[in-house]
Amino acid sequence: MLIPHDTRIALDTVVDLVNTAPESEPPRDDPADPLADGPEDGLADIPALYAFAERHLISGVGTLGERDLTAVRDVRARFAEVFAAPDPRTAADLVNRLVAAAGTTPQLTDHDGYDWHVHYFAPDASIADHLAADCGMALAFIIVAGEQERLRRCEAPDCGHAFVDLSRNRSRRYCSSRTCGNRLHVAAYRARRKEAAG
């Protein structure tokens, strides 16, 4: 599946955004951990929102406030619904509503050393509208390509992170083969060894 560079960046951004939600975090089992009550929100406050914008090189952010934080959390929840959509029609409807609400204004740009690419957000868009428009169009690209099933959640029982399966045969099961995948493979191996020894 050939994905343009800017679409790939937007897909990485939407996955990271969805995974900032507390329900995307694995539960904490350590009673000595002060955060053991539950997972932490990756967008807990305005500094976290600034950090997210900086990490993803979101341009034109300006001054952010509580209103921006609430709006981005709302967009995050809607993107999570797209990842949970049971079929392409449902996913398309969710994306259409997100993109329409953002007031998209497609325009070609070649800023910051990047070749020509399309920005879908209006020049003075809020960070929430910026994310809804650009990331929504990246998800639209996946749906239009008939690849909605590539929008997945990690199958590790204690994870649930969102990811886009870009493997050739659509066989990826875990958000990370180095963490979740490896951990489950090691656990299965140890269980087999224990069974063989017992």
N, C-alpha and C. Protein backbone atom coordinates (compact mmCIF):
# COMPACT_ATOMS: atom_id res chain seq x y z
N MET A 1 0.85 -1.18 0.00
CA MET A 1 0.00 0.00 0.00
C MET A 1 0.90 1.24 0.00
N LEU A 2 0.78 2.05 -1.04
CA LEU A 2 1.60 3.25 -1.17
C LEU A 2 0.89 4.42 -0.47
N ILE A 3 1.54 4.97 0.53
CA ILE A 3 0.95 6.06 1.31
C ILE A 3 1.84 7.28 1.18
N PRO A 4 1.29 8.42 0.73
CA PRO A 4 2.10 9.64 0.64
C PRO A 4 2.68 10.02 2.00
N HIS A 5 3.83 10.69 1.97
CA HIS A 5 4.56 11.06 3.18
C HIS A 5 3.69 11.84 4.17
N ASP A 6 2.96 12.85 3.70
CA ASP A 6 2.16 13.66 4.62
C ASP A 6 1.01 12.86 5.22
N THR A 7 0.47 11.90 4.45
CA THR A 7 -0.60 11.05 4.98
C THR A 7 -0.03 10.14 6.06
N ARG A 8 1.16 9.63 5.85
CA ARG A 8 1.79 8.75 6.84
C ARG A 8 2.04 9.52 8.14
N ILE A 9 2.50 10.75 8.02
CA ILE A 9 2.73 11.58 9.21
C ILE A 9 1.41 11.81 9.96
N ALA A 10 0.34 12.09 9.22
CA ALA A 10 -0.96 12.30 9.84
C ALA A 10 -1.48 11.02 10.50
N LEU A 11 -1.23 9.86 9.88
CA LEU A 11 -1.64 8.59 10.49
C LEU A 11 -0.88 8.35 11.80
N ASP A 12 0.42 8.65 11.80
CA ASP A 12 1.21 8.51 13.04
C ASP A 12 0.67 9.45 14.12
N THR A 13 0.27 10.64 13.71
CA THR A 13 -0.26 11.62 14.65
C THR A 13 -1.58 11.16 15.24
N VAL A 14 -2.49 10.66 14.40
CA VAL A 14 -3.80 10.23 14.91
C VAL A 14 -3.66 9.02 15.83
N VAL A 15 -2.74 8.11 15.51
CA VAL A 15 -2.52 6.95 16.39
C VAL A 15 -2.00 7.43 17.74
N ASP A 16 -1.02 8.33 17.73
CA ASP A 16 -0.48 8.84 18.99
C ASP A 16 -1.57 9.59 19.77
N LEU A 17 -2.40 10.35 19.08
CA LEU A 17 -3.48 11.08 19.75
C LEU A 17 -4.45 10.11 20.42
N VAL A 18 -4.90 9.11 19.69
CA VAL A 18 -5.84 8.13 20.26
C VAL A 18 -5.21 7.43 21.46
N ASN A 19 -3.92 7.16 21.38
CA ASN A 19 -3.24 6.43 22.46
C ASN A 19 -2.92 7.29 23.67
N THR A 20 -3.23 8.60 23.62
CA THR A 20 -3.07 9.42 24.82
C THR A 20 -4.26 9.26 25.76
N ALA A 21 -5.34 8.64 25.28
CA ALA A 21 -6.53 8.48 26.12
C ALA A 21 -6.26 7.48 27.24
N PRO A 22 -6.78 7.73 28.41
CA PRO A 22 -6.53 6.81 29.54
C PRO A 22 -6.96 5.38 29.23
N GLU A 23 -8.04 5.19 28.50
CA GLU A 23 -8.50 3.83 28.23
C GLU A 23 -7.57 3.08 27.27
N SER A 24 -6.61 3.79 26.66
CA SER A 24 -5.63 3.14 25.79
C SER A 24 -4.43 2.62 26.56
N GLU A 25 -4.30 3.05 27.79
CA GLU A 25 -3.14 2.66 28.60
C GLU A 25 -3.40 1.34 29.30
N PRO A 26 -2.36 0.50 29.43
CA PRO A 26 -2.53 -0.73 30.19
C PRO A 26 -2.78 -0.43 31.66
N PRO A 27 -3.55 -1.26 32.33
CA PRO A 27 -3.81 -1.01 33.75
C PRO A 27 -2.52 -1.16 34.58
N ARG A 28 -2.46 -0.42 35.66
CA ARG A 28 -1.30 -0.50 36.55
C ARG A 28 -1.65 -1.43 37.71
N ASP A 29 -0.83 -2.43 37.92
CA ASP A 29 -1.12 -3.42 38.95
C ASP A 29 -0.32 -3.22 40.23
N ASP A 30 0.63 -2.32 40.22
CA ASP A 30 1.52 -2.15 41.37
C ASP A 30 0.84 -1.32 42.44
N PRO A 31 0.49 -1.91 43.58
CA PRO A 31 -0.18 -1.14 44.64
C PRO A 31 0.69 -0.04 45.21
N ALA A 32 2.02 -0.15 45.06
CA ALA A 32 2.91 0.90 45.56
C ALA A 32 2.94 2.10 44.62
N ASP A 33 2.41 1.91 43.42
CA ASP A 33 2.39 2.99 42.43
C ASP A 33 1.25 3.95 42.76
N PRO A 34 1.57 5.25 42.95
CA PRO A 34 0.51 6.21 43.28
C PRO A 34 -0.51 6.38 42.16
N LEU A 35 -0.15 5.96 40.95
CA LEU A 35 -1.08 6.08 39.83
C LEU A 35 -1.82 4.77 39.58
N ALA A 36 -1.74 3.83 40.51
CA ALA A 36 -2.33 2.50 40.32
C ALA A 36 -3.84 2.55 40.21
N ASP A 37 -4.47 3.66 40.61
CA ASP A 37 -5.92 3.78 40.51
C ASP A 37 -6.39 3.65 39.08
N GLY A 38 -5.57 4.05 38.15
CA GLY A 38 -6.00 3.98 36.76
C GLY A 38 -4.96 4.60 35.85
N PRO A 39 -5.15 4.40 34.57
CA PRO A 39 -4.20 4.94 33.60
C PRO A 39 -4.23 6.47 33.59
N GLU A 40 -3.14 7.03 33.15
CA GLU A 40 -3.00 8.48 33.11
C GLU A 40 -3.42 9.01 31.73
N ASP A 41 -4.04 10.16 31.72
CA ASP A 41 -4.40 10.81 30.46
C ASP A 41 -3.16 11.48 29.89
N GLY A 42 -2.79 11.12 28.66
CA GLY A 42 -1.63 11.71 28.01
C GLY A 42 -1.84 13.17 27.64
N LEU A 43 -3.09 13.63 27.72
CA LEU A 43 -3.42 15.04 27.50
C LEU A 43 -4.09 15.57 28.77
N ALA A 44 -3.39 15.41 29.88
CA ALA A 44 -3.96 15.77 31.18
C ALA A 44 -4.09 17.26 31.38
N ASP A 45 -3.24 18.04 30.69
CA ASP A 45 -3.25 19.48 30.91
C ASP A 45 -2.71 20.21 29.68
N ILE A 46 -2.68 21.51 29.76
CA ILE A 46 -2.24 22.33 28.62
C ILE A 46 -0.76 22.09 28.28
N PRO A 47 0.14 21.97 29.27
CA PRO A 47 1.53 21.65 28.89
C PRO A 47 1.64 20.33 28.11
N ALA A 48 0.82 19.35 28.44
CA ALA A 48 0.83 18.08 27.71
C ALA A 48 0.35 18.29 26.28
N LEU A 49 -0.62 19.18 26.09
CA LEU A 49 -1.10 19.50 24.74
C LEU A 49 -0.01 20.20 23.93
N TYR A 50 0.69 21.14 24.55
CA TYR A 50 1.81 21.80 23.88
C TYR A 50 2.87 20.76 23.49
N ALA A 51 3.17 19.83 24.40
CA ALA A 51 4.18 18.80 24.13
C ALA A 51 3.75 17.92 22.96
N PHE A 52 2.46 17.59 22.92
CA PHE A 52 1.94 16.78 21.81
C PHE A 52 2.12 17.53 20.49
N ALA A 53 1.75 18.80 20.48
CA ALA A 53 1.87 19.63 19.27
C ALA A 53 3.33 19.74 18.83
N GLU A 54 4.23 19.88 19.78
CA GLU A 54 5.65 19.98 19.45
C GLU A 54 6.19 18.66 18.92
N ARG A 55 5.80 17.56 19.56
CA ARG A 55 6.26 16.24 19.14
C ARG A 55 5.85 15.92 17.70
N HIS A 56 4.69 16.42 17.30
CA HIS A 56 4.18 16.14 15.96
C HIS A 56 4.34 17.32 14.99
N LEU A 57 5.13 18.30 15.40
CA LEU A 57 5.45 19.46 14.55
C LEU A 57 4.20 20.12 13.98
N ILE A 58 3.20 20.29 14.82
CA ILE A 58 1.95 20.93 14.39
C ILE A 58 2.19 22.43 14.34
N SER A 59 2.10 22.97 13.13
CA SER A 59 2.42 24.38 12.92
C SER A 59 1.26 25.29 13.27
N GLY A 60 1.59 26.54 13.57
CA GLY A 60 0.58 27.57 13.80
C GLY A 60 -0.29 27.35 15.02
N VAL A 61 0.25 26.73 16.06
CA VAL A 61 -0.54 26.40 17.24
C VAL A 61 -0.96 27.64 18.02
N GLY A 62 -0.07 28.59 18.19
CA GLY A 62 -0.40 29.80 18.95
C GLY A 62 -0.56 29.50 20.43
N THR A 63 -1.34 30.33 21.10
CA THR A 63 -1.58 30.17 22.53
C THR A 63 -2.72 29.20 22.74
N LEU A 64 -2.48 28.18 23.57
CA LEU A 64 -3.49 27.16 23.84
C LEU A 64 -4.09 27.36 25.22
N GLY A 65 -5.36 27.03 25.34
CA GLY A 65 -6.06 27.16 26.62
C GLY A 65 -6.93 25.95 26.89
N GLU A 66 -7.72 26.04 27.94
CA GLU A 66 -8.60 24.94 28.34
C GLU A 66 -9.59 24.56 27.24
N ARG A 67 -10.06 25.57 26.54
CA ARG A 67 -11.00 25.31 25.45
C ARG A 67 -10.36 24.42 24.37
N ASP A 68 -9.08 24.69 24.05
CA ASP A 68 -8.36 23.87 23.08
C ASP A 68 -8.19 22.45 23.59
N LEU A 69 -7.84 22.32 24.86
CA LEU A 69 -7.64 21.00 25.45
C LEU A 69 -8.92 20.18 25.39
N THR A 70 -10.04 20.79 25.74
CA THR A 70 -11.33 20.10 25.69
C THR A 70 -11.68 19.69 24.26
N ALA A 71 -11.44 20.59 23.32
CA ALA A 71 -11.76 20.31 21.92
C ALA A 71 -10.89 19.18 21.36
N VAL A 72 -9.61 19.17 21.71
CA VAL A 72 -8.71 18.11 21.22
C VAL A 72 -9.11 16.77 21.85
N ARG A 73 -9.48 16.77 23.11
CA ARG A 73 -9.95 15.52 23.73
C ARG A 73 -11.21 15.01 23.04
N ASP A 74 -12.09 15.91 22.64
CA ASP A 74 -13.30 15.51 21.91
C ASP A 74 -12.94 14.90 20.56
N VAL A 75 -12.01 15.51 19.84
CA VAL A 75 -11.55 14.97 18.56
C VAL A 75 -10.91 13.60 18.78
N ARG A 76 -10.13 13.48 19.84
CA ARG A 76 -9.50 12.20 20.18
C ARG A 76 -10.55 11.11 20.36
N ALA A 77 -11.63 11.42 21.08
CA ALA A 77 -12.70 10.44 21.31
C ALA A 77 -13.37 10.04 20.00
N ARG A 78 -13.53 10.99 19.10
CA ARG A 78 -14.15 10.67 17.81
C ARG A 78 -13.23 9.80 16.96
N PHE A 79 -11.93 10.07 17.00
CA PHE A 79 -10.99 9.22 16.28
C PHE A 79 -10.99 7.80 16.85
N ALA A 80 -11.12 7.68 18.17
CA ALA A 80 -11.19 6.35 18.79
C ALA A 80 -12.40 5.59 18.26
N GLU A 81 -13.50 6.29 18.02
CA GLU A 81 -14.70 5.66 17.44
C GLU A 81 -14.41 5.13 16.04
N VAL A 82 -13.59 5.86 15.27
CA VAL A 82 -13.25 5.40 13.92
C VAL A 82 -12.48 4.09 14.01
N PHE A 83 -11.54 3.98 14.95
CA PHE A 83 -10.77 2.75 15.12
C PHE A 83 -11.67 1.60 15.58
N ALA A 84 -12.76 1.91 16.26
CA ALA A 84 -13.68 0.87 16.75
C ALA A 84 -14.82 0.58 15.77
N ALA A 85 -14.90 1.33 14.68
CA ALA A 85 -16.01 1.17 13.74
C ALA A 85 -16.07 -0.26 13.19
N PRO A 86 -17.27 -0.84 13.16
CA PRO A 86 -17.39 -2.23 12.73
C PRO A 86 -17.29 -2.43 11.22
N ASP A 87 -17.44 -1.35 10.45
CA ASP A 87 -17.42 -1.50 8.99
C ASP A 87 -17.03 -0.16 8.35
N PRO A 88 -16.66 -0.20 7.07
CA PRO A 88 -16.23 1.02 6.38
C PRO A 88 -17.30 2.11 6.32
N ARG A 89 -18.55 1.74 6.18
CA ARG A 89 -19.61 2.76 6.11
C ARG A 89 -19.69 3.55 7.41
N THR A 90 -19.61 2.87 8.53
CA THR A 90 -19.64 3.54 9.83
C THR A 90 -18.41 4.43 9.99
N ALA A 91 -17.24 3.88 9.63
CA ALA A 91 -15.99 4.66 9.73
C ALA A 91 -16.06 5.89 8.84
N ALA A 92 -16.58 5.73 7.62
CA ALA A 92 -16.69 6.86 6.69
C ALA A 92 -17.61 7.94 7.24
N ASP A 93 -18.72 7.54 7.82
CA ASP A 93 -19.66 8.51 8.39
C ASP A 93 -19.00 9.30 9.52
N LEU A 94 -18.26 8.61 10.38
CA LEU A 94 -17.56 9.28 11.47
C LEU A 94 -16.52 10.26 10.95
N VAL A 95 -15.74 9.83 9.96
CA VAL A 95 -14.71 10.70 9.38
C VAL A 95 -15.35 11.89 8.68
N ASN A 96 -16.43 11.66 7.93
CA ASN A 96 -17.11 12.76 7.24
C ASN A 96 -17.56 13.84 8.22
N ARG A 97 -18.12 13.42 9.35
CA ARG A 97 -18.60 14.39 10.34
C ARG A 97 -17.44 15.17 10.96
N LEU A 98 -16.35 14.47 11.25
CA LEU A 98 -15.17 15.14 11.82
C LEU A 98 -14.60 16.18 10.88
N VAL A 99 -14.41 15.78 9.62
CA VAL A 99 -13.80 16.66 8.63
C VAL A 99 -14.71 17.84 8.31
N ALA A 100 -16.00 17.60 8.22
CA ALA A 100 -16.95 18.68 7.93
C ALA A 100 -16.98 19.70 9.07
N ALA A 101 -16.96 19.22 10.31
CA ALA A 101 -16.98 20.12 11.46
C ALA A 101 -15.72 20.97 11.55
N ALA A 102 -14.62 20.46 10.99
CA ALA A 102 -13.35 21.19 11.04
C ALA A 102 -13.29 22.31 10.02
N GLY A 103 -14.23 22.33 9.07
CA GLY A 103 -14.21 23.37 8.06
C GLY A 103 -12.99 23.28 7.18
N THR A 104 -12.81 22.16 6.52
CA THR A 104 -11.60 21.94 5.73
C THR A 104 -11.45 22.94 4.60
N THR A 105 -10.22 23.31 4.35
CA THR A 105 -9.85 24.22 3.27
C THR A 105 -8.58 23.68 2.64
N PRO A 106 -8.67 22.68 1.75
CA PRO A 106 -7.46 22.10 1.19
C PRO A 106 -6.60 23.13 0.47
N GLN A 107 -5.30 23.08 0.73
CA GLN A 107 -4.37 23.98 0.06
C GLN A 107 -3.00 23.33 -0.03
N LEU A 108 -2.32 23.56 -1.15
CA LEU A 108 -0.97 23.05 -1.34
C LEU A 108 0.02 23.94 -0.61
N THR A 109 1.03 23.30 0.00
CA THR A 109 2.05 24.05 0.72
C THR A 109 3.38 23.30 0.65
N ASP A 110 4.49 24.03 0.79
CA ASP A 110 5.82 23.42 0.79
C ASP A 110 6.69 24.06 1.86
N HIS A 111 6.20 24.07 3.07
CA HIS A 111 6.89 24.76 4.17
C HIS A 111 7.93 23.88 4.87
N ASP A 112 8.80 24.52 5.62
CA ASP A 112 9.77 23.87 6.51
C ASP A 112 10.60 22.77 5.85
N GLY A 113 10.94 22.96 4.59
CA GLY A 113 11.80 22.00 3.91
C GLY A 113 11.09 20.78 3.34
N TYR A 114 9.76 20.70 3.48
CA TYR A 114 9.01 19.58 2.92
C TYR A 114 8.58 19.92 1.50
N ASP A 115 8.55 18.91 0.63
CA ASP A 115 8.04 19.11 -0.72
C ASP A 115 6.55 19.43 -0.67
N TRP A 116 5.98 19.66 -1.83
CA TRP A 116 4.56 20.01 -1.91
C TRP A 116 3.71 18.91 -1.28
N HIS A 117 2.77 19.35 -0.46
CA HIS A 117 1.81 18.45 0.15
C HIS A 117 0.55 19.25 0.44
N VAL A 118 -0.50 18.57 0.83
CA VAL A 118 -1.79 19.22 1.06
C VAL A 118 -2.05 19.37 2.55
N HIS A 119 -2.41 20.58 2.94
CA HIS A 119 -2.97 20.83 4.27
C HIS A 119 -4.47 20.94 4.07
N TYR A 120 -5.23 20.28 4.92
CA TYR A 120 -6.68 20.29 4.78
C TYR A 120 -7.35 21.28 5.72
N PHE A 121 -6.59 21.83 6.67
CA PHE A 121 -7.17 22.75 7.64
C PHE A 121 -7.07 24.19 7.15
N ALA A 122 -7.97 25.03 7.62
CA ALA A 122 -7.95 26.45 7.27
C ALA A 122 -6.72 27.10 7.89
N PRO A 123 -6.19 28.18 7.28
CA PRO A 123 -4.96 28.81 7.78
C PRO A 123 -5.00 29.21 9.26
N ASP A 124 -6.12 29.66 9.77
CA ASP A 124 -6.20 30.08 11.17
C ASP A 124 -6.94 29.06 12.03
N ALA A 125 -6.90 27.80 11.65
CA ALA A 125 -7.65 26.76 12.36
C ALA A 125 -7.11 26.55 13.77
N SER A 126 -8.00 26.15 14.66
CA SER A 126 -7.59 25.77 16.01
C SER A 126 -6.82 24.46 15.90
N ILE A 127 -6.12 24.09 16.97
CA ILE A 127 -5.38 22.83 16.94
C ILE A 127 -6.34 21.65 16.78
N ALA A 128 -7.52 21.72 17.38
CA ALA A 128 -8.49 20.63 17.25
C ALA A 128 -8.96 20.50 15.80
N ASP A 129 -9.26 21.62 15.15
CA ASP A 129 -9.68 21.57 13.75
C ASP A 129 -8.54 21.12 12.84
N HIS A 130 -7.32 21.55 13.16
CA HIS A 130 -6.13 21.12 12.41
C HIS A 130 -6.03 19.59 12.45
N LEU A 131 -6.13 19.02 13.65
CA LEU A 131 -6.04 17.57 13.81
C LEU A 131 -7.21 16.86 13.14
N ALA A 132 -8.41 17.39 13.34
CA ALA A 132 -9.60 16.75 12.74
C ALA A 132 -9.51 16.73 11.23
N ALA A 133 -9.06 17.82 10.63
CA ALA A 133 -8.99 17.90 9.17
C ALA A 133 -7.86 17.04 8.60
N ASP A 134 -6.63 17.26 9.05
CA ASP A 134 -5.49 16.51 8.48
C ASP A 134 -5.55 15.02 8.82
N CYS A 135 -5.78 14.71 10.08
CA CYS A 135 -5.83 13.29 10.47
C CYS A 135 -7.09 12.63 9.94
N GLY A 136 -8.19 13.37 9.89
CA GLY A 136 -9.42 12.81 9.32
C GLY A 136 -9.24 12.46 7.85
N MET A 137 -8.54 13.30 7.10
CA MET A 137 -8.30 13.01 5.69
C MET A 137 -7.34 11.84 5.52
N ALA A 138 -6.40 11.68 6.44
CA ALA A 138 -5.50 10.51 6.37
C ALA A 138 -6.30 9.23 6.59
N LEU A 139 -7.23 9.26 7.55
CA LEU A 139 -8.08 8.09 7.77
C LEU A 139 -9.00 7.87 6.57
N ALA A 140 -9.44 8.96 5.95
CA ALA A 140 -10.27 8.85 4.74
C ALA A 140 -9.50 8.14 3.63
N PHE A 141 -8.21 8.43 3.52
CA PHE A 141 -7.35 7.78 2.53
C PHE A 141 -7.37 6.26 2.73
N ILE A 142 -7.28 5.82 3.97
CA ILE A 142 -7.29 4.39 4.29
C ILE A 142 -8.65 3.77 3.93
N ILE A 143 -9.72 4.46 4.26
CA ILE A 143 -11.07 3.94 3.98
C ILE A 143 -11.32 3.88 2.48
N VAL A 144 -10.94 4.93 1.75
CA VAL A 144 -11.13 4.97 0.29
C VAL A 144 -10.35 3.84 -0.39
N ALA A 145 -9.19 3.51 0.17
CA ALA A 145 -8.37 2.43 -0.39
C ALA A 145 -8.95 1.05 -0.07
N GLY A 146 -10.07 1.01 0.65
CA GLY A 146 -10.68 -0.27 1.01
C GLY A 146 -9.91 -0.99 2.10
N GLU A 147 -9.24 -0.23 2.96
CA GLU A 147 -8.34 -0.81 3.95
C GLU A 147 -8.73 -0.47 5.39
N GLN A 148 -10.02 -0.24 5.64
CA GLN A 148 -10.46 0.15 6.98
C GLN A 148 -10.06 -0.86 8.05
N GLU A 149 -9.96 -2.13 7.68
CA GLU A 149 -9.58 -3.15 8.66
C GLU A 149 -8.14 -3.00 9.14
N ARG A 150 -7.37 -2.13 8.50
CA ARG A 150 -6.00 -1.85 8.96
C ARG A 150 -5.99 -0.96 10.20
N LEU A 151 -7.12 -0.34 10.52
CA LEU A 151 -7.22 0.50 11.73
C LEU A 151 -7.55 -0.44 12.88
N ARG A 152 -6.58 -0.70 13.72
CA ARG A 152 -6.73 -1.76 14.71
C ARG A 152 -6.37 -1.32 16.12
N ARG A 153 -6.69 -2.22 17.04
CA ARG A 153 -6.27 -2.12 18.44
C ARG A 153 -5.37 -3.32 18.75
N CYS A 154 -4.38 -3.10 19.58
CA CYS A 154 -3.45 -4.15 19.96
C CYS A 154 -4.21 -5.31 20.60
N GLU A 155 -3.85 -6.53 20.24
CA GLU A 155 -4.52 -7.72 20.77
C GLU A 155 -3.94 -8.20 22.09
N ALA A 156 -2.87 -7.56 22.56
CA ALA A 156 -2.34 -7.94 23.88
C ALA A 156 -3.41 -7.63 24.92
N PRO A 157 -3.70 -8.59 25.80
CA PRO A 157 -4.82 -8.41 26.74
C PRO A 157 -4.69 -7.22 27.67
N ASP A 158 -3.48 -6.77 27.94
CA ASP A 158 -3.29 -5.66 28.86
C ASP A 158 -2.87 -4.37 28.15
N CYS A 159 -3.18 -4.27 26.84
CA CYS A 159 -2.75 -3.08 26.10
C CYS A 159 -3.94 -2.35 25.48
N GLY A 160 -4.28 -2.64 24.24
CA GLY A 160 -5.39 -1.96 23.59
C GLY A 160 -5.02 -0.71 22.83
N HIS A 161 -3.71 -0.42 22.66
CA HIS A 161 -3.30 0.75 21.88
C HIS A 161 -3.78 0.64 20.44
N ALA A 162 -4.09 1.78 19.86
CA ALA A 162 -4.46 1.85 18.45
C ALA A 162 -3.19 1.78 17.60
N PHE A 163 -3.33 1.25 16.39
CA PHE A 163 -2.24 1.28 15.42
C PHE A 163 -2.83 1.10 14.03
N VAL A 164 -2.05 1.46 13.02
CA VAL A 164 -2.44 1.23 11.64
C VAL A 164 -1.56 0.10 11.13
N ASP A 165 -2.19 -1.00 10.75
CA ASP A 165 -1.45 -2.17 10.27
C ASP A 165 -1.04 -1.94 8.82
N LEU A 166 0.22 -1.62 8.61
CA LEU A 166 0.73 -1.38 7.26
C LEU A 166 1.54 -2.57 6.75
N SER A 167 1.37 -3.72 7.40
CA SER A 167 2.06 -4.92 6.92
C SER A 167 1.47 -5.33 5.58
N ARG A 168 2.28 -5.99 4.79
CA ARG A 168 1.86 -6.37 3.44
C ARG A 168 0.61 -7.24 3.44
N ASN A 169 0.56 -8.20 4.36
CA ASN A 169 -0.58 -9.14 4.36
C ASN A 169 -1.60 -8.86 5.46
N ARG A 170 -1.57 -7.68 6.03
CA ARG A 170 -2.53 -7.26 7.06
C ARG A 170 -2.55 -8.22 8.25
N SER A 171 -1.39 -8.66 8.69
CA SER A 171 -1.33 -9.69 9.73
C SER A 171 -0.86 -9.19 11.08
N ARG A 172 -0.58 -7.91 11.19
CA ARG A 172 -0.05 -7.39 12.45
C ARG A 172 -1.12 -7.47 13.53
N ARG A 173 -0.73 -7.95 14.71
CA ARG A 173 -1.68 -8.12 15.81
C ARG A 173 -1.40 -7.22 17.00
N TYR A 174 -0.17 -6.71 17.08
CA TYR A 174 0.23 -5.95 18.26
C TYR A 174 0.70 -4.56 17.87
N CYS A 175 0.52 -3.62 18.79
CA CYS A 175 0.95 -2.24 18.52
C CYS A 175 2.45 -2.18 18.31
N SER A 176 3.19 -3.07 18.98
CA SER A 176 4.64 -3.12 18.84
C SER A 176 5.09 -4.56 18.97
N SER A 177 5.82 -5.04 17.98
CA SER A 177 6.33 -6.40 18.07
C SER A 177 7.44 -6.51 19.12
N ARG A 178 8.11 -5.38 19.39
CA ARG A 178 9.20 -5.38 20.37
C ARG A 178 8.68 -5.40 21.80
N THR A 179 7.52 -4.84 22.05
CA THR A 179 7.02 -4.83 23.42
C THR A 179 5.90 -5.86 23.58
N CYS A 180 4.71 -5.53 23.15
CA CYS A 180 3.56 -6.42 23.36
C CYS A 180 3.75 -7.78 22.68
N GLY A 181 4.15 -7.78 21.43
CA GLY A 181 4.32 -9.04 20.71
C GLY A 181 5.37 -9.91 21.34
N ASN A 182 6.53 -9.35 21.65
CA ASN A 182 7.61 -10.11 22.25
C ASN A 182 7.22 -10.63 23.63
N ARG A 183 6.56 -9.78 24.42
CA ARG A 183 6.15 -10.17 25.76
C ARG A 183 5.21 -11.38 25.72
N LEU A 184 4.25 -11.37 24.79
CA LEU A 184 3.31 -12.49 24.70
C LEU A 184 3.97 -13.74 24.15
N HIS A 185 4.91 -13.57 23.22
CA HIS A 185 5.63 -14.74 22.70
C HIS A 185 6.48 -15.38 23.80
N VAL A 186 7.14 -14.57 24.62
CA VAL A 186 7.94 -15.08 25.73
C VAL A 186 7.05 -15.80 26.73
N ALA A 187 5.90 -15.21 27.05
CA ALA A 187 4.97 -15.83 28.00
C ALA A 187 4.47 -17.18 27.46
N ALA A 188 4.17 -17.24 26.17
CA ALA A 188 3.71 -18.50 25.57
C ALA A 188 4.83 -19.54 25.60
N TYR A 189 6.05 -19.10 25.31
CA TYR A 189 7.20 -20.01 25.34
C TYR A 189 7.39 -20.58 26.75
N ARG A 190 7.34 -19.72 27.75
CA ARG A 190 7.51 -20.17 29.13
C ARG A 190 6.39 -21.14 29.55
N ALA A 191 5.17 -20.86 29.10
CA ALA A 191 4.06 -21.76 29.42
C ALA A 191 4.27 -23.13 28.79
N ARG A 192 4.76 -23.16 27.55
CA ARG A 192 5.02 -24.43 26.87
C ARG A 192 6.13 -25.20 27.60
N ARG A 193 7.19 -24.49 28.01
CA ARG A 193 8.31 -25.13 28.72
C ARG A 193 7.84 -25.70 30.06
N LYS A 194 7.00 -24.95 30.75
CA LYS A 194 6.49 -25.39 32.05
C LYS A 194 5.63 -26.63 31.86
N GLU A 195 4.79 -26.62 30.84
CA GLU A 195 3.91 -27.76 30.55
C GLU A 195 4.75 -28.99 30.18
N ALA A 196 5.79 -28.80 29.39
CA ALA A 196 6.65 -29.90 28.97
C ALA A 196 7.41 -30.47 30.17
N ALA A 197 7.80 -29.60 31.11
CA ALA A 197 8.56 -30.05 32.28
C ALA A 197 7.67 -30.71 33.32
N GLY A 198 6.37 -30.35 33.31
CA GLY A 198 5.47 -30.81 34.35
C GLY A 198 4.88 -32.10 34.06
